[in-house]
C-alpha atoms as a PDB file:
ATOM      1  CA  UNK A   1      -5.164 -16.812 -29.698  1.00  0.00           C
ATOM      2  CA  UNK A   2      -6.503 -16.159 -26.183  1.00  0.00           C
ATOM      3  CA  UNK A   3      -7.415 -19.841 -25.959  1.00  0.00           C
ATOM      4  CA  UNK A   4      -3.778 -20.764 -26.557  1.00  0.00           C
ATOM      5  CA  UNK A   5      -2.804 -18.446 -23.689  1.00  0.00           C
ATOM      6  CA  UNK A   6      -5.438 -19.889 -21.339  1.00  0.00           C
ATOM      7  CA  UNK A   7      -4.555 -23.464 -22.274  1.00  0.00           C
ATOM      8  CA  UNK A   8      -0.869 -22.748 -21.681  1.00  0.00           C
ATOM      9  CA  UNK A   9      -1.530 -21.260 -18.247  1.00  0.00           C
ATOM     10  CA  UNK A  10      -3.647 -24.262 -17.266  1.00  0.00           C
ATOM     11  CA  UNK A  11      -1.205 -26.815 -18.705  1.00  0.00           C
ATOM     12  CA  UNK A  12       1.860 -25.311 -17.013  1.00  0.00           C
ATOM     13  CA  UNK A  13      -0.086 -24.881 -13.764  1.00  0.00           C
ATOM     14  CA  UNK A  14      -1.084 -28.551 -13.853  1.00  0.00           C
ATOM     15  CA  UNK A  15       2.456 -29.715 -14.610  1.00  0.00           C
ATOM     16  CA  UNK A  16       3.893 -27.661 -11.755  1.00  0.00           C
ATOM     17  CA  UNK A  17       1.170 -28.926  -9.414  1.00  0.00           C
ATOM     18  CA  UNK A  18       2.192 -32.500 -10.302  1.00  0.00           C
ATOM     19  CA  UNK A  19       5.863 -31.592  -9.936  1.00  0.00           C
ATOM     20  CA  UNK A  20       5.135 -30.255  -6.438  1.00  0.00           C
ATOM     21  CA  UNK A  21       3.743 -33.670  -5.477  1.00  0.00           C
ATOM     22  CA  UNK A  22       7.163 -35.327  -5.989  1.00  0.00           C
ATOM     23  CA  UNK A  23       9.518 -32.436  -5.372  1.00  0.00           C
ATOM     24  CA  UNK A  24      11.027 -31.476  -2.006  1.00  0.00           C
ATOM     25  CA  UNK A  25      10.683 -27.774  -2.835  1.00  0.00           C
ATOM     26  CA  UNK A  26       7.413 -26.149  -3.788  1.00  0.00           C
ATOM     27  CA  UNK A  27       6.611 -23.659  -6.521  1.00  0.00           C
ATOM     28  CA  UNK A  28       3.344 -21.735  -6.774  1.00  0.00           C
ATOM     29  CA  UNK A  29       1.597 -23.552  -9.653  1.00  0.00           C
ATOM     30  CA  UNK A  30      -0.493 -20.622 -10.920  1.00  0.00           C
ATOM     31  CA  UNK A  31       2.488 -18.257 -10.668  1.00  0.00           C
ATOM     32  CA  UNK A  32       4.506 -20.706 -12.765  1.00  0.00           C
ATOM     33  CA  UNK A  33       1.620 -21.062 -15.203  1.00  0.00           C
ATOM     34  CA  UNK A  34       1.293 -17.333 -15.764  1.00  0.00           C
ATOM     35  CA  UNK A  35       5.006 -16.512 -15.873  1.00  0.00           C
ATOM     36  CA  UNK A  36       5.873 -19.606 -17.880  1.00  0.00           C
ATOM     37  CA  UNK A  37       3.247 -18.673 -20.444  1.00  0.00           C
ATOM     38  CA  UNK A  38       4.415 -15.103 -20.925  1.00  0.00           C
ATOM     39  CA  UNK A  39       8.040 -16.249 -21.045  1.00  0.00           C
ATOM     40  CA  UNK A  40       7.493 -18.728 -23.865  1.00  0.00           C
ATOM     41  CA  UNK A  41       5.166 -16.345 -25.723  1.00  0.00           C
ATOM     42  CA  UNK A  42       7.706 -13.541 -25.449  1.00  0.00           C
ATOM     43  CA  UNK A  43      10.461 -15.827 -26.734  1.00  0.00           C
ATOM     44  CA  UNK A  44       8.236 -16.978 -29.614  1.00  0.00           C
ATOM     45  CA  UNK A  45       7.429 -13.367 -30.549  1.00  0.00           C
ATOM     46  CA  UNK A  46      11.090 -12.330 -30.361  1.00  0.00           C
ATOM     47  CA  UNK A  47      12.035 -15.168 -32.720  1.00  0.00           C
ATOM     48  CA  UNK A  48       9.220 -14.405 -35.165  1.00  0.00           C
ATOM     49  CA  UNK A  49       7.331 -17.648 -34.484  1.00  0.00           C
ATOM     50  CA  UNK A  50       4.268 -15.750 -33.270  1.00  0.00           C
ATOM     51  CA  UNK A  51       2.793 -12.460 -34.405  1.00  0.00           C
ATOM     52  CA  UNK A  52       3.757  -9.614 -32.092  1.00  0.00           C
ATOM     53  CA  UNK A  53       0.501  -7.834 -32.968  1.00  0.00           C
ATOM     54  CA  UNK A  54      -1.578 -10.837 -31.910  1.00  0.00           C
ATOM     55  CA  UNK A  55       0.204 -11.737 -28.686  1.00  0.00           C
ATOM     56  CA  UNK A  56       1.615  -8.469 -27.346  1.00  0.00           C
ATOM     57  CA  UNK A  57      -1.533  -7.566 -25.391  1.00  0.00           C
ATOM     58  CA  UNK A  58      -1.986 -10.941 -23.632  1.00  0.00           C
ATOM     59  CA  UNK A  59       1.733 -11.053 -22.819  1.00  0.00           C
ATOM     60  CA  UNK A  60       1.533  -7.555 -21.339  1.00  0.00           C
ATOM     61  CA  UNK A  61      -1.480  -8.508 -19.221  1.00  0.00           C
ATOM     62  CA  UNK A  62       0.263 -11.635 -17.936  1.00  0.00           C
ATOM     63  CA  UNK A  63       3.446  -9.695 -17.180  1.00  0.00           C
ATOM     64  CA  UNK A  64       1.431  -7.156 -15.191  1.00  0.00           C
ATOM     65  CA  UNK A  65      -0.025  -9.994 -13.153  1.00  0.00           C
ATOM     66  CA  UNK A  66       3.477 -11.283 -12.488  1.00  0.00           C
ATOM     67  CA  UNK A  67       4.634  -7.851 -11.340  1.00  0.00           C
ATOM     68  CA  UNK A  68       1.791  -7.632  -8.827  1.00  0.00           C
ATOM     69  CA  UNK A  69       2.403 -11.214  -7.694  1.00  0.00           C
ATOM     70  CA  UNK A  70       6.105 -10.533  -7.120  1.00  0.00           C
ATOM     71  CA  UNK A  71       5.249  -7.367  -5.200  1.00  0.00           C
ATOM     72  CA  UNK A  72       2.945  -9.274  -2.865  1.00  0.00           C
ATOM     73  CA  UNK A  73       5.410 -12.137  -2.377  1.00  0.00           C
ATOM     74  CA  UNK A  74       8.220  -9.729  -1.501  1.00  0.00           C
ATOM     75  CA  UNK A  75       5.866  -7.740   0.731  1.00  0.00           C
ATOM     76  CA  UNK A  76       5.680 -10.795   3.009  1.00  0.00           C
ATOM     77  CA  UNK A  77       9.430 -10.457   3.578  1.00  0.00           C
ATOM     78  CA  UNK A  78       9.489  -6.715   4.237  1.00  0.00           C
ATOM     79  CA  UNK A  79      11.225  -5.683   7.440  1.00  0.00           C
ATOM     80  CA  UNK A  80       8.670  -4.624  10.035  1.00  0.00           C
ATOM     81  CA  UNK A  81       9.743  -0.982   9.898  1.00  0.00           C
ATOM     82  CA  UNK A  82       8.912  -0.701   6.181  1.00  0.00           C
ATOM     83  CA  UNK A  83       5.595   0.495   4.796  1.00  0.00           C
ATOM     84  CA  UNK A  84       3.861  -2.029   2.518  1.00  0.00           C
ATOM     85  CA  UNK A  85       1.980   0.822   0.850  1.00  0.00           C
ATOM     86  CA  UNK A  86       5.163   2.704  -0.052  1.00  0.00           C
ATOM     87  CA  UNK A  87       6.684  -0.601  -1.191  1.00  0.00           C
ATOM     88  CA  UNK A  88       3.835  -1.382  -3.603  1.00  0.00           C
ATOM     89  CA  UNK A  89       3.417   2.236  -4.714  1.00  0.00           C
ATOM     90  CA  UNK A  90       6.996   2.304  -5.994  1.00  0.00           C
ATOM     91  CA  UNK A  91       7.623  -1.349  -6.923  1.00  0.00           C
ATOM     92  CA  UNK A  92       4.503  -1.971  -9.018  1.00  0.00           C
ATOM     93  CA  UNK A  93       4.684   1.062 -11.357  1.00  0.00           C
ATOM     94  CA  UNK A  94       8.424   0.464 -11.859  1.00  0.00           C
ATOM     95  CA  UNK A  95       7.657  -3.190 -12.575  1.00  0.00           C
ATOM     96  CA  UNK A  96       5.042  -2.176 -15.128  1.00  0.00           C
ATOM     97  CA  UNK A  97       7.658  -0.034 -16.871  1.00  0.00           C
ATOM     98  CA  UNK A  98      10.065  -2.975 -16.904  1.00  0.00           C
ATOM     99  CA  UNK A  99       7.361  -5.229 -18.380  1.00  0.00           C
ATOM    100  CA  UNK A 100       6.250  -2.577 -20.889  1.00  0.00           C
ATOM    101  CA  UNK A 101       9.691  -2.094 -22.375  1.00  0.00           C
ATOM    102  CA  UNK A 102      10.361  -5.830 -22.352  1.00  0.00           C
ATOM    103  CA  UNK A 103       7.203  -6.577 -24.346  1.00  0.00           C
ATOM    104  CA  UNK A 104       8.208  -3.811 -26.789  1.00  0.00           C
ATOM    105  CA  UNK A 105      11.675  -5.402 -27.089  1.00  0.00           C
ATOM    106  CA  UNK A 106      13.237  -2.031 -26.236  1.00  0.00           C
ATOM    107  CA  UNK A 107      16.248  -3.637 -24.582  1.00  0.00           C
ATOM    108  CA  UNK A 108      18.077  -0.486 -23.491  1.00  0.00           C
ATOM    109  CA  UNK A 109      15.095   1.126 -21.761  1.00  0.00           C
ATOM    110  CA  UNK A 110      14.117  -2.260 -20.317  1.00  0.00           C
ATOM    111  CA  UNK A 111      17.613  -2.666 -18.845  1.00  0.00           C
ATOM    112  CA  UNK A 112      17.564   0.851 -17.374  1.00  0.00           C
ATOM    113  CA  UNK A 113      14.207   0.358 -15.630  1.00  0.00           C
ATOM    114  CA  UNK A 114      15.158  -3.150 -14.504  1.00  0.00           C
ATOM    115  CA  UNK A 115      18.320  -1.730 -12.935  1.00  0.00           C
ATOM    116  CA  UNK A 116      16.300   1.005 -11.214  1.00  0.00           C
ATOM    117  CA  UNK A 117      13.795  -1.597  -9.958  1.00  0.00           C
ATOM    118  CA  UNK A 118      16.538  -3.867  -8.610  1.00  0.00           C
ATOM    119  CA  UNK A 119      18.291  -0.928  -6.971  1.00  0.00           C
ATOM    120  CA  UNK A 120      15.028   0.086  -5.308  1.00  0.00           C
ATOM    121  CA  UNK A 121      14.454  -3.459  -4.019  1.00  0.00           C
ATOM    122  CA  UNK A 122      18.001  -3.667  -2.689  1.00  0.00           C
ATOM    123  CA  UNK A 123      17.827  -0.267  -0.999  1.00  0.00           C
ATOM    124  CA  UNK A 124      14.360  -0.833   0.464  1.00  0.00           C
ATOM    125  CA  UNK A 125      15.400  -4.099   2.059  1.00  0.00           C
ATOM    126  CA  UNK A 126      19.027  -3.210   2.822  1.00  0.00           C
ATOM    127  CA  UNK A 127      18.488   0.193   4.394  1.00  0.00           C
ATOM    128  CA  UNK A 128      15.828  -1.266   6.653  1.00  0.00           C
ATOM    129  CA  UNK A 129      18.432  -3.424   8.372  1.00  0.00           C
ATOM    130  CA  UNK A 130      20.364  -0.292   9.356  1.00  0.00           C
ATOM    131  CA  UNK A 131      17.406   1.451  10.965  1.00  0.00           C
ATOM    132  CA  UNK A 132      17.595   1.926  14.733  1.00  0.00           C
ATOM    133  CA  UNK A 133      15.679  -0.659  16.716  1.00  0.00           C
ATOM    134  CA  UNK A 134      12.563   0.184  18.597  1.00  0.00           C
ATOM    135  CA  UNK A 135      13.424   1.094  22.197  1.00  0.00           C
ATOM    136  CA  UNK A 136      10.876  -1.362  23.575  1.00  0.00           C
ATOM    137  CA  UNK A 137      12.294  -4.166  21.449  1.00  0.00           C
ATOM    138  CA  UNK A 138      15.818  -3.428  22.689  1.00  0.00           C
ATOM    139  CA  UNK A 139      14.604  -3.405  26.292  1.00  0.00           C
ATOM    140  CA  UNK A 140      12.858  -6.750  25.880  1.00  0.00           C
ATOM    141  CA  UNK A 141      15.924  -8.256  24.225  1.00  0.00           C
ATOM    142  CA  UNK A 142      18.133  -7.174  27.136  1.00  0.00           C
ATOM    143  CA  UNK A 143      15.643  -8.594  29.650  1.00  0.00           C
ATOM    144  CA  UNK A 144      15.601 -11.914  27.787  1.00  0.00           C
ATOM    145  CA  UNK A 145      19.418 -12.054  27.736  1.00  0.00           C
ATOM    146  CA  UNK A 146      19.553 -11.489  31.530  1.00  0.00           C
ATOM    147  CA  UNK A 147      16.793 -13.986  32.115  1.00  0.00           C
ATOM    148  CA  UNK A 148      18.462 -17.057  30.663  1.00  0.00           C
END
């Protein structure tokens, strides 16, 4: 069973790597390999094609990796006045809850935690744009406007 998971990750990673060679937009091959694998395994479990007991643990592990990967990718886009530690401390545990209830097929609880996670992401990024600017930054901006 774990060999199917590993093979799937490697196969999808390789296909996406090849796709990136001809495509104008790039996708992280290993990210696609991991997320693509847990997506198809989850779908197969939900439809009864694979045993939930056999694949639930590997799917959960892969989903956890995706949560951490998403957190780090979004961290790169954080506004400068936002703490990366606070970001990860809230985003990752919420993401684990989302993944946990998804792998259990508890749709209502999954939807609730997904909504909370999305609200947090929106607020963390949105509220940052309304924060007052640093006084030094404002001063430099005014000097640059006068300069040119």
